[in-house]
Amino acid sequence: MDLKQLNAFIAVADLRSFSAAATKTGLSQPSLSRLLKQLETDMGVVLIDRYHRPLHLTEAGAFFYDKISTILTEIDTVTSMTQRLSAPSSVLNIGFVPSVLYGLLPEIIATLKQSNPDIEVNLKDISSYQQMDALKSGEIDIGFGRFAHQDAWIQQILLRHERYVVALPKAHPLAHVREQRLIDLANNRLILYHQTHLPVLTTTASTLTAHTGSSAVNANSEQPPLNEPITEPLLHLFAQYGISPFMTTTVSDLQVALGLVAAGEGITLVPASLQTVRTEQISYQRLVHENVTSPIFLHTLKDFVHPKIPDLLVAIYHVYEQRGITYRQQKFVSEP
C-alpha cells in the first residue's frame, strides 16, 4: 500500500468514474485501474463495485474511504507545514471576514507596515469556517474570524468583543430611538446573513419565557422546533432573552442584508464597525444589552506561527490602545 494507490482510490471514490479520476490525477485509465487493483490485492478486500454505473463503493470501500481520506488530509497538512517551516515566506497572507474589514483591520495593516516597511501583506476575503482549511493548506497564515473553532491543528486567541447595533430603515418607527431593546424589535422581519452556524443554545419553553413572562414565539416565525439547538448567531442573541423574532429572511451575506434593510424589507443586527455603511438609507442605533456582542478571533496553526505574526499582534494592540479599546493582551503559544 502506498500513497499513489491511496490517491488513486480517493479520486475514483470521489468521482465514481475511472475516466474522470484519470483526468484529475493525470494518469492513464489502465495505470489508475492497475493501482486500484494492487491496493485491493494488498488488502484482500474489494473496495469498488465496478459493475454499476456510476461506480459504487462496497461497504468495506465506504468505510475505508471515510477513514483514509482523513488520514490523507492530515498528511497533506503536515507536508505543507513542514515545507513552510523549512522555508518561511516573507509574505504574510491574512484571511478575514468582511465585517472585520469595515472595522480596524485597514488601520492595523497600515500600522504593521509602518513598523515593518519591507513586509508584504496579502488579504483574502474568506469565511470563518473556510479559514480552517486555508490555514492547513498554506493559503493563509492567519485569519480574523467571528467564531470560535475546535480543531486539533488550529490555535486561536480572542482579540475583543464588538457590540452589535441594530440597523433599521430610515422610515422605521424606531429609527430615532437611541437605546434599543431586543424585545421591542421582535415584531419585525429579522434578516439573517451568517454563513457560519454553531450549535450554541437549546430552545425550550422555559427559556422562551424566562425574560419576557410569556412566550414571544409567533406561529409565522421560521424557528427550529423546541429542544433543537439554535445555530444561527442572531437568533441565538434573541434567544438569550427568551425572544423569537416574528419572521426571518436568510440572505447570502451581510451586504445583501444591509441592502434589504435600506429597501425597507426588515431589520438586522451588525457589529458596530459597520454603522457607516448606507447611512443615507439606514439608521444604526445602540442596543442596551451589553452582552449582545460579536467576538473577533485570530486563528493560526498550532505548530507553525509565521515569523511576522508577533509583529501583527503588536500592531493590533497598538491600535486598540490608540482607540481606547479594552483588551487582554495574548500571544500564540508557539511564538518565541
C-alpha atoms as a PDB file:
ATOM      1  CA  MET A   1       0.000   0.000   0.000  1.00  0.00           C
ATOM      2  CA  ASP A   2       1.447   3.382  -0.990  1.00  0.00           C
ATOM      3  CA  LEU A   3       0.306   6.980  -1.457  1.00  0.00           C
ATOM      4  CA  LYS A   4      -0.152   6.587  -5.215  1.00  0.00           C
ATOM      5  CA  GLN A   5      -2.578   3.721  -4.657  1.00  0.00           C
ATOM      6  CA  LEU A   6      -4.456   5.610  -1.934  1.00  0.00           C
ATOM      7  CA  ASN A   7      -4.746   8.783  -4.009  1.00  0.00           C
ATOM      8  CA  ALA A   8      -5.981   6.730  -6.966  1.00  0.00           C
ATOM      9  CA  PHE A   9      -8.662   5.172  -4.769  1.00  0.00           C
ATOM     10  CA  ILE A  10      -9.740   8.565  -3.374  1.00  0.00           C
ATOM     11  CA  ALA A  11     -10.016  10.030  -6.876  1.00  0.00           C
ATOM     12  CA  VAL A  12     -12.165   7.152  -8.120  1.00  0.00           C
ATOM     13  CA  ALA A  13     -14.283   7.185  -4.943  1.00  0.00           C
ATOM     14  CA  ASP A  14     -14.860  10.949  -5.214  1.00  0.00           C
ATOM     15  CA  LEU A  15     -15.746  10.987  -8.917  1.00  0.00           C
ATOM     16  CA  ARG A  16     -17.266   7.479  -9.278  1.00  0.00           C
ATOM     17  CA  SER A  17     -15.641   7.256 -12.705  1.00  0.00           C
ATOM     18  CA  PHE A  18     -12.303   5.878 -13.890  1.00  0.00           C
ATOM     19  CA  SER A  19     -12.139   8.303 -16.819  1.00  0.00           C
ATOM     20  CA  ALA A  20     -12.870  11.378 -14.657  1.00  0.00           C
ATOM     21  CA  ALA A  21     -10.401  10.178 -11.997  1.00  0.00           C
ATOM     22  CA  ALA A  22      -7.745   9.628 -14.665  1.00  0.00           C
ATOM     23  CA  THR A  23      -8.198  13.199 -15.883  1.00  0.00           C
ATOM     24  CA  LYS A  24      -7.984  14.541 -12.337  1.00  0.00           C
ATOM     25  CA  THR A  25      -4.848  12.576 -11.421  1.00  0.00           C
ATOM     26  CA  GLY A  26      -3.094  12.896 -14.796  1.00  0.00           C
ATOM     27  CA  LEU A  27      -2.807   9.119 -15.077  1.00  0.00           C
ATOM     28  CA  SER A  28      -3.967   6.878 -17.881  1.00  0.00           C
ATOM     29  CA  GLN A  29      -7.039   4.763 -17.161  1.00  0.00           C
ATOM     30  CA  PRO A  30      -5.035   1.488 -17.305  1.00  0.00           C
ATOM     31  CA  SER A  31      -2.497   2.891 -14.807  1.00  0.00           C
ATOM     32  CA  LEU A  32      -5.276   4.062 -12.500  1.00  0.00           C
ATOM     33  CA  SER A  33      -7.051   0.716 -12.723  1.00  0.00           C
ATOM     34  CA  ARG A  34      -3.792  -1.125 -12.012  1.00  0.00           C
ATOM     35  CA  LEU A  35      -3.061   0.982  -8.906  1.00  0.00           C
ATOM     36  CA  LEU A  36      -6.542   0.361  -7.559  1.00  0.00           C
ATOM     37  CA  LYS A  37      -6.334  -3.375  -8.245  1.00  0.00           C
ATOM     38  CA  GLN A  38      -2.946  -3.540  -6.479  1.00  0.00           C
ATOM     39  CA  LEU A  39      -4.458  -1.803  -3.449  1.00  0.00           C
ATOM     40  CA  GLU A  40      -7.368  -4.245  -3.313  1.00  0.00           C
ATOM     41  CA  THR A  41      -4.990  -7.204  -3.722  1.00  0.00           C
ATOM     42  CA  ASP A  42      -2.691  -5.953  -0.940  1.00  0.00           C
ATOM     43  CA  MET A  43      -5.666  -5.516   1.378  1.00  0.00           C
ATOM     44  CA  GLY A  44      -7.518  -8.633   0.278  1.00  0.00           C
ATOM     45  CA  VAL A  45     -10.691  -6.554   0.018  1.00  0.00           C
ATOM     46  CA  VAL A  46     -12.872  -5.385  -2.883  1.00  0.00           C
ATOM     47  CA  LEU A  47     -13.289  -1.637  -2.444  1.00  0.00           C
ATOM     48  CA  ILE A  48     -15.222  -0.653  -5.588  1.00  0.00           C
ATOM     49  CA  ASP A  49     -18.144  -2.411  -7.276  1.00  0.00           C
ATOM     50  CA  ARG A  50     -17.218  -1.995 -10.939  1.00  0.00           C
ATOM     51  CA  TYR A  51     -20.481  -3.466 -12.268  1.00  0.00           C
ATOM     52  CA  HIS A  52     -22.598  -0.395 -11.566  1.00  0.00           C
ATOM     53  CA  ARG A  53     -22.648   2.926 -13.385  1.00  0.00           C
ATOM     54  CA  PRO A  54     -21.753   5.199 -11.812  1.00  0.00           C
ATOM     55  CA  LEU A  55     -19.296   3.123  -9.811  1.00  0.00           C
ATOM     56  CA  HIS A  56     -20.309   2.238  -6.251  1.00  0.00           C
ATOM     57  CA  LEU A  57     -18.162   1.742  -3.200  1.00  0.00           C
ATOM     58  CA  THR A  58     -18.612  -1.570  -1.448  1.00  0.00           C
ATOM     59  CA  GLU A  59     -19.468  -1.452   2.242  1.00  0.00           C
ATOM     60  CA  ALA A  60     -15.791  -2.054   3.037  1.00  0.00           C
ATOM     61  CA  GLY A  61     -14.809   0.597   0.475  1.00  0.00           C
ATOM     62  CA  ALA A  62     -17.086   3.187   2.050  1.00  0.00           C
ATOM     63  CA  PHE A  63     -15.580   2.500   5.486  1.00  0.00           C
ATOM     64  CA  PHE A  64     -12.027   2.661   4.095  1.00  0.00           C
ATOM     65  CA  TYR A  65     -12.783   5.901   2.208  1.00  0.00           C
ATOM     66  CA  ASP A  66     -14.153   7.597   5.311  1.00  0.00           C
ATOM     67  CA  LYS A  67     -11.067   6.747   7.382  1.00  0.00           C
ATOM     68  CA  ILE A  68      -8.293   7.076   4.805  1.00  0.00           C
ATOM     69  CA  SER A  69      -9.463  10.431   3.401  1.00  0.00           C
ATOM     70  CA  THR A  70      -8.996  11.976   6.852  1.00  0.00           C
ATOM     71  CA  ILE A  71      -5.508  10.483   7.129  1.00  0.00           C
ATOM     72  CA  LEU A  72      -4.503  11.744   3.667  1.00  0.00           C
ATOM     73  CA  THR A  73      -5.736  15.234   4.540  1.00  0.00           C
ATOM     74  CA  GLU A  74      -3.523  15.177   7.629  1.00  0.00           C
ATOM     75  CA  ILE A  75      -0.556  14.002   5.550  1.00  0.00           C
ATOM     76  CA  ASP A  76      -1.108  16.919   3.135  1.00  0.00           C
ATOM     77  CA  THR A  77      -1.341  19.323   6.089  1.00  0.00           C
ATOM     78  CA  VAL A  78       1.856  18.025   7.694  1.00  0.00           C
ATOM     79  CA  THR A  79       3.688  18.183   4.361  1.00  0.00           C
ATOM     80  CA  SER A  80       2.607  21.779   3.772  1.00  0.00           C
ATOM     81  CA  MET A  81       3.528  22.802   7.330  1.00  0.00           C
ATOM     82  CA  THR A  82       6.955  21.134   7.047  1.00  0.00           C
ATOM     83  CA  GLN A  83       7.689  22.992   3.815  1.00  0.00           C
ATOM     84  CA  ARG A  84       6.690  26.320   5.352  1.00  0.00           C
ATOM     85  CA  LEU A  85       8.714  25.629   8.490  1.00  0.00           C
ATOM     86  CA  SER A  86      11.862  24.903   6.487  1.00  0.00           C
ATOM     87  CA  ALA A  87      11.492  27.989   4.282  1.00  0.00           C
ATOM     88  CA  PRO A  88       9.113  30.580   5.786  1.00  0.00           C
ATOM     89  CA  SER A  89       7.669  33.001   3.259  1.00  0.00           C
ATOM     90  CA  SER A  90       8.315  36.715   3.693  1.00  0.00           C
ATOM     91  CA  VAL A  91       4.715  37.327   2.629  1.00  0.00           C
ATOM     92  CA  LEU A  92       2.059  37.400   5.356  1.00  0.00           C
ATOM     93  CA  ASN A  93      -1.226  36.040   3.980  1.00  0.00           C
ATOM     94  CA  ILE A  94      -4.176  37.225   6.066  1.00  0.00           C
ATOM     95  CA  GLY A  95      -7.715  35.876   5.822  1.00  0.00           C
ATOM     96  CA  PHE A  96     -10.600  37.982   7.063  1.00  0.00           C
ATOM     97  CA  VAL A  97     -14.383  38.026   7.216  1.00  0.00           C
ATOM     98  CA  PRO A  98     -15.921  41.076   5.503  1.00  0.00           C
ATOM     99  CA  SER A  99     -17.267  42.618   8.712  1.00  0.00           C
ATOM    100  CA  VAL A 100     -13.710  42.923  10.067  1.00  0.00           C
ATOM    101  CA  LEU A 101     -12.626  44.938   7.021  1.00  0.00           C
ATOM    102  CA  TYR A 102     -15.146  47.646   7.927  1.00  0.00           C
ATOM    103  CA  GLY A 103     -13.583  47.911  11.383  1.00  0.00           C
ATOM    104  CA  LEU A 104      -9.986  48.392  12.396  1.00  0.00           C
ATOM    105  CA  LEU A 105      -8.268  45.959  10.024  1.00  0.00           C
ATOM    106  CA  PRO A 106      -7.150  48.627   7.496  1.00  0.00           C
ATOM    107  CA  GLU A 107      -5.685  50.719  10.319  1.00  0.00           C
ATOM    108  CA  ILE A 108      -3.965  47.656  11.786  1.00  0.00           C
ATOM    109  CA  ILE A 109      -2.370  46.761   8.427  1.00  0.00           C
ATOM    110  CA  ALA A 110      -1.196  50.366   7.976  1.00  0.00           C
ATOM    111  CA  THR A 111       0.352  50.305  11.469  1.00  0.00           C
ATOM    112  CA  LEU A 112       2.050  46.971  10.724  1.00  0.00           C
ATOM    113  CA  LYS A 113       3.557  48.346   7.515  1.00  0.00           C
ATOM    114  CA  GLN A 114       4.824  51.469   9.287  1.00  0.00           C
ATOM    115  CA  SER A 115       6.850  49.342  11.706  1.00  0.00           C
ATOM    116  CA  ASN A 116       7.793  46.785   9.002  1.00  0.00           C
ATOM    117  CA  PRO A 117       8.331  48.781   5.776  1.00  0.00           C
ATOM    118  CA  ASP A 118       9.539  45.742   3.848  1.00  0.00           C
ATOM    119  CA  ILE A 119       6.652  43.438   4.756  1.00  0.00           C
ATOM    120  CA  GLU A 120       4.354  42.192   2.003  1.00  0.00           C
ATOM    121  CA  VAL A 121       0.770  41.541   3.049  1.00  0.00           C
ATOM    122  CA  ASN A 122      -1.876  39.699   1.044  1.00  0.00           C
ATOM    123  CA  LEU A 123      -5.500  39.967   2.189  1.00  0.00           C
ATOM    124  CA  LYS A 124      -8.128  37.350   1.355  1.00  0.00           C
ATOM    125  CA  ASP A 125     -11.869  37.592   1.993  1.00  0.00           C
ATOM    126  CA  ILE A 126     -12.759  34.179   3.445  1.00  0.00           C
ATOM    127  CA  SER A 127     -15.382  32.933   5.903  1.00  0.00           C
ATOM    128  CA  SER A 128     -14.516  31.907   9.453  1.00  0.00           C
ATOM    129  CA  TYR A 129     -15.236  28.253   8.648  1.00  0.00           C
ATOM    130  CA  GLN A 130     -13.189  28.208   5.430  1.00  0.00           C
ATOM    131  CA  GLN A 131     -10.219  29.762   7.227  1.00  0.00           C
ATOM    132  CA  MET A 132      -9.541  26.453   8.966  1.00  0.00           C
ATOM    133  CA  ASP A 133      -8.791  24.611   5.716  1.00  0.00           C
ATOM    134  CA  ALA A 134      -6.995  27.648   4.276  1.00  0.00           C
ATOM    135  CA  LEU A 135      -4.612  27.682   7.243  1.00  0.00           C
ATOM    136  CA  LYS A 136      -3.828  23.990   6.833  1.00  0.00           C
ATOM    137  CA  SER A 137      -3.216  24.275   3.098  1.00  0.00           C
ATOM    138  CA  GLY A 138      -0.994  27.332   3.461  1.00  0.00           C
ATOM    139  CA  GLU A 139      -3.401  29.585   1.551  1.00  0.00           C
ATOM    140  CA  ILE A 140      -3.364  31.929   4.552  1.00  0.00           C
ATOM    141  CA  ASP A 141      -1.025  32.276   7.533  1.00  0.00           C
ATOM    142  CA  ILE A 142      -3.510  33.860   9.916  1.00  0.00           C
ATOM    143  CA  GLY A 143      -7.223  34.613   9.936  1.00  0.00           C
ATOM    144  CA  PHE A 144      -9.538  37.165  11.510  1.00  0.00           C
ATOM    145  CA  GLY A 145     -12.885  35.495  12.202  1.00  0.00           C
ATOM    146  CA  ARG A 146     -16.072  35.892  14.219  1.00  0.00           C
ATOM    147  CA  PHE A 147     -16.450  32.331  15.509  1.00  0.00           C
ATOM    148  CA  ALA A 148     -14.549  30.036  17.851  1.00  0.00           C
ATOM    149  CA  HIS A 149     -13.500  26.713  16.304  1.00  0.00           C
ATOM    150  CA  GLN A 150     -12.395  23.404  17.746  1.00  0.00           C
ATOM    151  CA  ASP A 151      -9.674  21.944  15.525  1.00  0.00           C
ATOM    152  CA  ALA A 152      -6.647  19.901  16.522  1.00  0.00           C
ATOM    153  CA  TRP A 153      -4.430  21.803  14.063  1.00  0.00           C
ATOM    154  CA  ILE A 154      -5.565  25.327  14.913  1.00  0.00           C
ATOM    155  CA  GLN A 155      -4.984  27.682  17.834  1.00  0.00           C
ATOM    156  CA  GLN A 156      -6.913  30.872  18.383  1.00  0.00           C
ATOM    157  CA  ILE A 157      -6.984  33.895  20.633  1.00  0.00           C
ATOM    158  CA  LEU A 158      -9.886  36.211  21.387  1.00  0.00           C
ATOM    159  CA  LEU A 159      -8.978  39.769  20.440  1.00  0.00           C
ATOM    160  CA  ARG A 160     -12.061  41.559  21.735  1.00  0.00           C
ATOM    161  CA  HIS A 161     -15.848  41.700  21.789  1.00  0.00           C
ATOM    162  CA  GLU A 162     -17.562  44.205  19.493  1.00  0.00           C
ATOM    163  CA  ARG A 163     -21.031  45.480  20.365  1.00  0.00           C
ATOM    164  CA  TYR A 164     -23.865  44.822  17.951  1.00  0.00           C
ATOM    165  CA  VAL A 165     -26.055  47.693  16.775  1.00  0.00           C
ATOM    166  CA  VAL A 166     -29.493  47.429  15.191  1.00  0.00           C
ATOM    167  CA  ALA A 167     -29.823  48.501  11.562  1.00  0.00           C
ATOM    168  CA  LEU A 168     -33.270  49.879  10.709  1.00  0.00           C
ATOM    169  CA  PRO A 169     -34.718  51.569   7.607  1.00  0.00           C
ATOM    170  CA  LYS A 170     -34.734  55.372   7.980  1.00  0.00           C
ATOM    171  CA  ALA A 171     -38.556  55.339   7.807  1.00  0.00           C
ATOM    172  CA  HIS A 172     -38.916  52.758  10.598  1.00  0.00           C
ATOM    173  CA  PRO A 173     -40.899  53.948  13.667  1.00  0.00           C
ATOM    174  CA  LEU A 174     -37.941  53.056  15.921  1.00  0.00           C
ATOM    175  CA  ALA A 175     -35.290  54.609  13.663  1.00  0.00           C
ATOM    176  CA  HIS A 176     -34.678  57.528  16.043  1.00  0.00           C
ATOM    177  CA  VAL A 177     -34.805  55.605  19.327  1.00  0.00           C
ATOM    178  CA  ARG A 178     -31.250  55.817  20.690  1.00  0.00           C
ATOM    179  CA  GLU A 179     -31.435  52.895  23.124  1.00  0.00           C
ATOM    180  CA  GLN A 180     -32.980  49.766  21.608  1.00  0.00           C
ATOM    181  CA  ARG A 181     -34.202  46.595  23.310  1.00  0.00           C
ATOM    182  CA  LEU A 182     -34.445  43.254  21.564  1.00  0.00           C
ATOM    183  CA  ILE A 183     -37.982  42.678  22.836  1.00  0.00           C
ATOM    184  CA  ASP A 184     -39.087  45.852  21.028  1.00  0.00           C
ATOM    185  CA  LEU A 185     -37.588  44.542  17.785  1.00  0.00           C
ATOM    186  CA  ALA A 186     -39.217  41.114  17.913  1.00  0.00           C
ATOM    187  CA  ASN A 187     -42.227  42.042  15.748  1.00  0.00           C
ATOM    188  CA  ASN A 188     -40.030  42.902  12.768  1.00  0.00           C
ATOM    189  CA  ARG A 189     -38.672  40.731   9.983  1.00  0.00           C
ATOM    190  CA  LEU A 190     -35.109  39.875  11.030  1.00  0.00           C
ATOM    191  CA  ILE A 191     -32.661  39.478   8.149  1.00  0.00           C
ATOM    192  CA  LEU A 192     -30.081  36.745   8.779  1.00  0.00           C
ATOM    193  CA  TYR A 193     -26.774  36.666   6.935  1.00  0.00           C
ATOM    194  CA  HIS A 194     -24.229  34.498   8.772  1.00  0.00           C
ATOM    195  CA  GLN A 195     -22.720  31.682   6.736  1.00  0.00           C
ATOM    196  CA  THR A 196     -21.097  30.006   9.773  1.00  0.00           C
ATOM    197  CA  HIS A 197     -23.527  28.466  12.247  1.00  0.00           C
ATOM    198  CA  LEU A 198     -22.751  26.985  15.615  1.00  0.00           C
ATOM    199  CA  PRO A 199     -24.928  24.890  17.981  1.00  0.00           C
ATOM    200  CA  VAL A 200     -24.984  27.446  20.750  1.00  0.00           C
ATOM    201  CA  LEU A 201     -28.260  27.112  22.600  1.00  0.00           C
ATOM    202  CA  THR A 202     -31.144  24.713  23.058  1.00  0.00           C
ATOM    203  CA  THR A 203     -34.569  26.309  22.980  1.00  0.00           C
ATOM    204  CA  THR A 204     -37.132  25.103  25.476  1.00  0.00           C
ATOM    205  CA  ALA A 205     -40.451  26.509  26.581  1.00  0.00           C
ATOM    206  CA  SER A 206     -38.896  27.688  29.836  1.00  0.00           C
ATOM    207  CA  THR A 207     -36.075  29.629  28.140  1.00  0.00           C
ATOM    208  CA  LEU A 208     -38.520  31.264  25.749  1.00  0.00           C
ATOM    209  CA  THR A 209     -40.451  32.785  28.644  1.00  0.00           C
ATOM    210  CA  ALA A 210     -37.610  33.346  31.071  1.00  0.00           C
ATOM    211  CA  HIS A 211     -37.076  37.022  30.245  1.00  0.00           C
ATOM    212  CA  THR A 212     -40.465  38.101  28.908  1.00  0.00           C
ATOM    213  CA  GLY A 213     -43.007  36.476  31.197  1.00  0.00           C
ATOM    214  CA  SER A 214     -44.829  34.994  28.212  1.00  0.00           C
ATOM    215  CA  SER A 215     -43.910  33.233  25.017  1.00  0.00           C
ATOM    216  CA  ALA A 216     -42.601  35.560  22.318  1.00  0.00           C
ATOM    217  CA  VAL A 217     -42.903  32.898  19.631  1.00  0.00           C
ATOM    218  CA  ASN A 218     -45.177  33.689  16.680  1.00  0.00           C
ATOM    219  CA  ALA A 219     -46.638  30.967  14.510  1.00  0.00           C
ATOM    220  CA  ASN A 220     -45.267  32.673  11.386  1.00  0.00           C
ATOM    221  CA  SER A 221     -41.721  32.726  12.705  1.00  0.00           C
ATOM    222  CA  GLU A 222     -39.263  30.446  10.946  1.00  0.00           C
ATOM    223  CA  GLN A 223     -37.806  28.896  14.087  1.00  0.00           C
ATOM    224  CA  PRO A 224     -36.398  25.482  14.963  1.00  0.00           C
ATOM    225  CA  PRO A 225     -38.664  23.127  16.903  1.00  0.00           C
ATOM    226  CA  LEU A 226     -38.408  23.115  20.671  1.00  0.00           C
ATOM    227  CA  ASN A 227     -35.350  21.350  22.120  1.00  0.00           C
ATOM    228  CA  GLU A 228     -33.386  21.641  18.853  1.00  0.00           C
ATOM    229  CA  PRO A 229     -30.219  23.743  19.006  1.00  0.00           C
ATOM    230  CA  ILE A 230     -30.364  27.298  17.698  1.00  0.00           C
ATOM    231  CA  THR A 231     -27.401  27.516  15.373  1.00  0.00           C
ATOM    232  CA  GLU A 232     -27.939  30.922  13.747  1.00  0.00           C
ATOM    233  CA  PRO A 233     -25.947  33.593  15.648  1.00  0.00           C
ATOM    234  CA  LEU A 234     -28.535  36.408  15.515  1.00  0.00           C
ATOM    235  CA  LEU A 235     -31.360  34.100  16.590  1.00  0.00           C
ATOM    236  CA  HIS A 236     -29.134  32.967  19.453  1.00  0.00           C
ATOM    237  CA  LEU A 237     -28.806  36.564  20.655  1.00  0.00           C
ATOM    238  CA  PHE A 238     -32.590  36.939  20.756  1.00  0.00           C
ATOM    239  CA  ALA A 239     -33.000  33.525  22.406  1.00  0.00           C
ATOM    240  CA  GLN A 240     -30.682  34.597  25.238  1.00  0.00           C
ATOM    241  CA  TYR A 241     -33.506  36.926  26.258  1.00  0.00           C
ATOM    242  CA  GLY A 242     -36.278  34.432  25.622  1.00  0.00           C
ATOM    243  CA  ILE A 243     -37.319  36.153  22.400  1.00  0.00           C
ATOM    244  CA  SER A 244     -38.098  34.753  18.965  1.00  0.00           C
ATOM    245  CA  PRO A 245     -38.467  37.219  16.062  1.00  0.00           C
ATOM    246  CA  PHE A 246     -41.818  37.396  14.284  1.00  0.00           C
ATOM    247  CA  MET A 247     -40.323  36.430  10.928  1.00  0.00           C
ATOM    248  CA  THR A 248     -36.894  35.860   9.397  1.00  0.00           C
ATOM    249  CA  THR A 249     -35.310  36.059   5.954  1.00  0.00           C
ATOM    250  CA  THR A 250     -31.942  34.468   5.209  1.00  0.00           C
ATOM    251  CA  VAL A 251     -29.591  36.019   2.637  1.00  0.00           C
ATOM    252  CA  SER A 252     -26.134  35.174   1.307  1.00  0.00           C
ATOM    253  CA  ASP A 253     -24.056  37.838   3.041  1.00  0.00           C
ATOM    254  CA  LEU A 254     -24.010  40.939   5.188  1.00  0.00           C
ATOM    255  CA  GLN A 255     -24.023  43.415   2.280  1.00  0.00           C
ATOM    256  CA  VAL A 256     -27.215  41.867   0.902  1.00  0.00           C
ATOM    257  CA  ALA A 257     -28.768  42.072   4.371  1.00  0.00           C
ATOM    258  CA  LEU A 258     -27.989  45.781   4.609  1.00  0.00           C
ATOM    259  CA  GLY A 259     -29.338  46.283   1.101  1.00  0.00           C
ATOM    260  CA  LEU A 260     -32.673  44.785   2.186  1.00  0.00           C
ATOM    261  CA  VAL A 261     -32.705  46.963   5.300  1.00  0.00           C
ATOM    262  CA  ALA A 262     -32.086  50.021   3.101  1.00  0.00           C
ATOM    263  CA  ALA A 263     -35.028  48.932   0.923  1.00  0.00           C
ATOM    264  CA  GLY A 264     -37.307  48.714   3.976  1.00  0.00           C
ATOM    265  CA  GLU A 265     -37.588  44.919   3.888  1.00  0.00           C
ATOM    266  CA  GLY A 266     -36.625  44.296   7.505  1.00  0.00           C
ATOM    267  CA  ILE A 267     -34.036  44.931  10.190  1.00  0.00           C
ATOM    268  CA  THR A 268     -30.819  43.247  11.188  1.00  0.00           C
ATOM    269  CA  LEU A 269     -28.028  43.370  13.774  1.00  0.00           C
ATOM    270  CA  VAL A 270     -24.461  44.156  12.716  1.00  0.00           C
ATOM    271  CA  PRO A 271     -21.155  44.775  14.525  1.00  0.00           C
ATOM    272  CA  ALA A 272     -20.786  48.453  15.432  1.00  0.00           C
ATOM    273  CA  SER A 273     -17.939  48.941  12.947  1.00  0.00           C
ATOM    274  CA  LEU A 274     -20.460  48.666  10.082  1.00  0.00           C
ATOM    275  CA  GLN A 275     -22.591  51.621  11.134  1.00  0.00           C
ATOM    276  CA  THR A 276     -21.007  53.831   8.485  1.00  0.00           C
ATOM    277  CA  VAL A 277     -22.473  51.744   5.638  1.00  0.00           C
ATOM    278  CA  ARG A 278     -25.519  53.084   3.701  1.00  0.00           C
ATOM    279  CA  THR A 279     -26.176  55.794   6.254  1.00  0.00           C
ATOM    280  CA  GLU A 280     -28.444  57.639   3.801  1.00  0.00           C
ATOM    281  CA  GLN A 281     -30.999  54.813   3.989  1.00  0.00           C
ATOM    282  CA  ILE A 282     -30.186  53.083   7.281  1.00  0.00           C
ATOM    283  CA  SER A 283     -30.392  54.233  10.895  1.00  0.00           C
ATOM    284  CA  TYR A 284     -27.998  52.455  13.274  1.00  0.00           C
ATOM    285  CA  GLN A 285     -28.935  52.525  16.939  1.00  0.00           C
ATOM    286  CA  ARG A 286     -27.306  51.188  20.078  1.00  0.00           C
ATOM    287  CA  LEU A 287     -28.626  48.127  21.891  1.00  0.00           C
ATOM    288  CA  VAL A 288     -28.970  48.401  25.660  1.00  0.00           C
ATOM    289  CA  HIS A 289     -27.874  44.784  26.168  1.00  0.00           C
ATOM    290  CA  GLU A 290     -24.167  44.779  26.998  1.00  0.00           C
ATOM    291  CA  ASN A 291     -23.719  41.075  26.248  1.00  0.00           C
ATOM    292  CA  VAL A 292     -25.092  41.307  22.703  1.00  0.00           C
ATOM    293  CA  THR A 293     -21.673  41.284  21.102  1.00  0.00           C
ATOM    294  CA  SER A 294     -19.744  39.771  18.232  1.00  0.00           C
ATOM    295  CA  PRO A 295     -16.307  38.367  19.144  1.00  0.00           C
ATOM    296  CA  ILE A 296     -13.250  38.777  16.941  1.00  0.00           C
ATOM    297  CA  PHE A 297     -10.877  35.809  16.948  1.00  0.00           C
ATOM    298  CA  LEU A 298      -7.417  35.421  15.477  1.00  0.00           C
ATOM    299  CA  HIS A 299      -6.604  31.923  14.141  1.00  0.00           C
ATOM    300  CA  THR A 300      -3.332  30.313  13.115  1.00  0.00           C
ATOM    301  CA  LEU A 301      -1.707  26.882  13.109  1.00  0.00           C
ATOM    302  CA  LYS A 302      -0.615  25.308  16.389  1.00  0.00           C
ATOM    303  CA  ASP A 303       2.713  24.039  15.124  1.00  0.00           C
ATOM    304  CA  PHE A 304       3.759  26.848  12.825  1.00  0.00           C
ATOM    305  CA  VAL A 305       3.431  30.562  13.581  1.00  0.00           C
ATOM    306  CA  HIS A 306       4.540  32.821  10.741  1.00  0.00           C
ATOM    307  CA  PRO A 307       7.525  34.962  11.843  1.00  0.00           C
ATOM    308  CA  LYS A 308       5.570  38.189  11.221  1.00  0.00           C
ATOM    309  CA  ILE A 309       2.557  37.277  13.339  1.00  0.00           C
ATOM    310  CA  PRO A 310       4.071  38.669  16.590  1.00  0.00           C
ATOM    311  CA  ASP A 311       4.512  41.995  14.761  1.00  0.00           C
ATOM    312  CA  LEU A 312       0.879  41.830  13.646  1.00  0.00           C
ATOM    313  CA  LEU A 313      -0.238  41.364  17.250  1.00  0.00           C
ATOM    314  CA  VAL A 314       1.864  44.350  18.324  1.00  0.00           C
ATOM    315  CA  ALA A 315       0.121  46.439  15.641  1.00  0.00           C
ATOM    316  CA  ILE A 316      -3.326  45.219  16.754  1.00  0.00           C
ATOM    317  CA  TYR A 317      -2.760  46.127  20.386  1.00  0.00           C
ATOM    318  CA  HIS A 318      -1.216  49.471  19.443  1.00  0.00           C
ATOM    319  CA  VAL A 319      -4.374  50.394  17.509  1.00  0.00           C
ATOM    320  CA  TYR A 320      -6.562  49.210  20.399  1.00  0.00           C
ATOM    321  CA  GLU A 321      -4.643  51.429  22.797  1.00  0.00           C
ATOM    322  CA  GLN A 322      -4.908  54.395  20.449  1.00  0.00           C
ATOM    323  CA  ARG A 323      -8.675  53.855  20.182  1.00  0.00           C
ATOM    324  CA  GLY A 324      -9.178  53.248  23.901  1.00  0.00           C
ATOM    325  CA  ILE A 325     -10.463  49.709  23.326  1.00  0.00           C
ATOM    326  CA  THR A 326     -10.388  47.336  26.277  1.00  0.00           C
ATOM    327  CA  TYR A 327      -8.442  44.143  25.596  1.00  0.00           C
ATOM    328  CA  ARG A 328      -6.372  41.471  27.290  1.00  0.00           C
ATOM    329  CA  GLN A 329      -3.008  41.036  25.632  1.00  0.00           C
ATOM    330  CA  GLN A 330      -2.294  37.497  24.437  1.00  0.00           C
ATOM    331  CA  LYS A 331       0.119  35.664  22.183  1.00  0.00           C
ATOM    332  CA  PHE A 332       0.149  32.372  20.339  1.00  0.00           C
ATOM    333  CA  VAL A 333       1.734  29.530  22.269  1.00  0.00           C
ATOM    334  CA  SER A 334       4.469  28.682  19.793  1.00  0.00           C
ATOM    335  CA  GLU A 335       5.752  32.232  19.498  1.00  0.00           C
ATOM    336  CA  PRO A 336       9.382  32.612  20.598  1.00  0.00           C
END
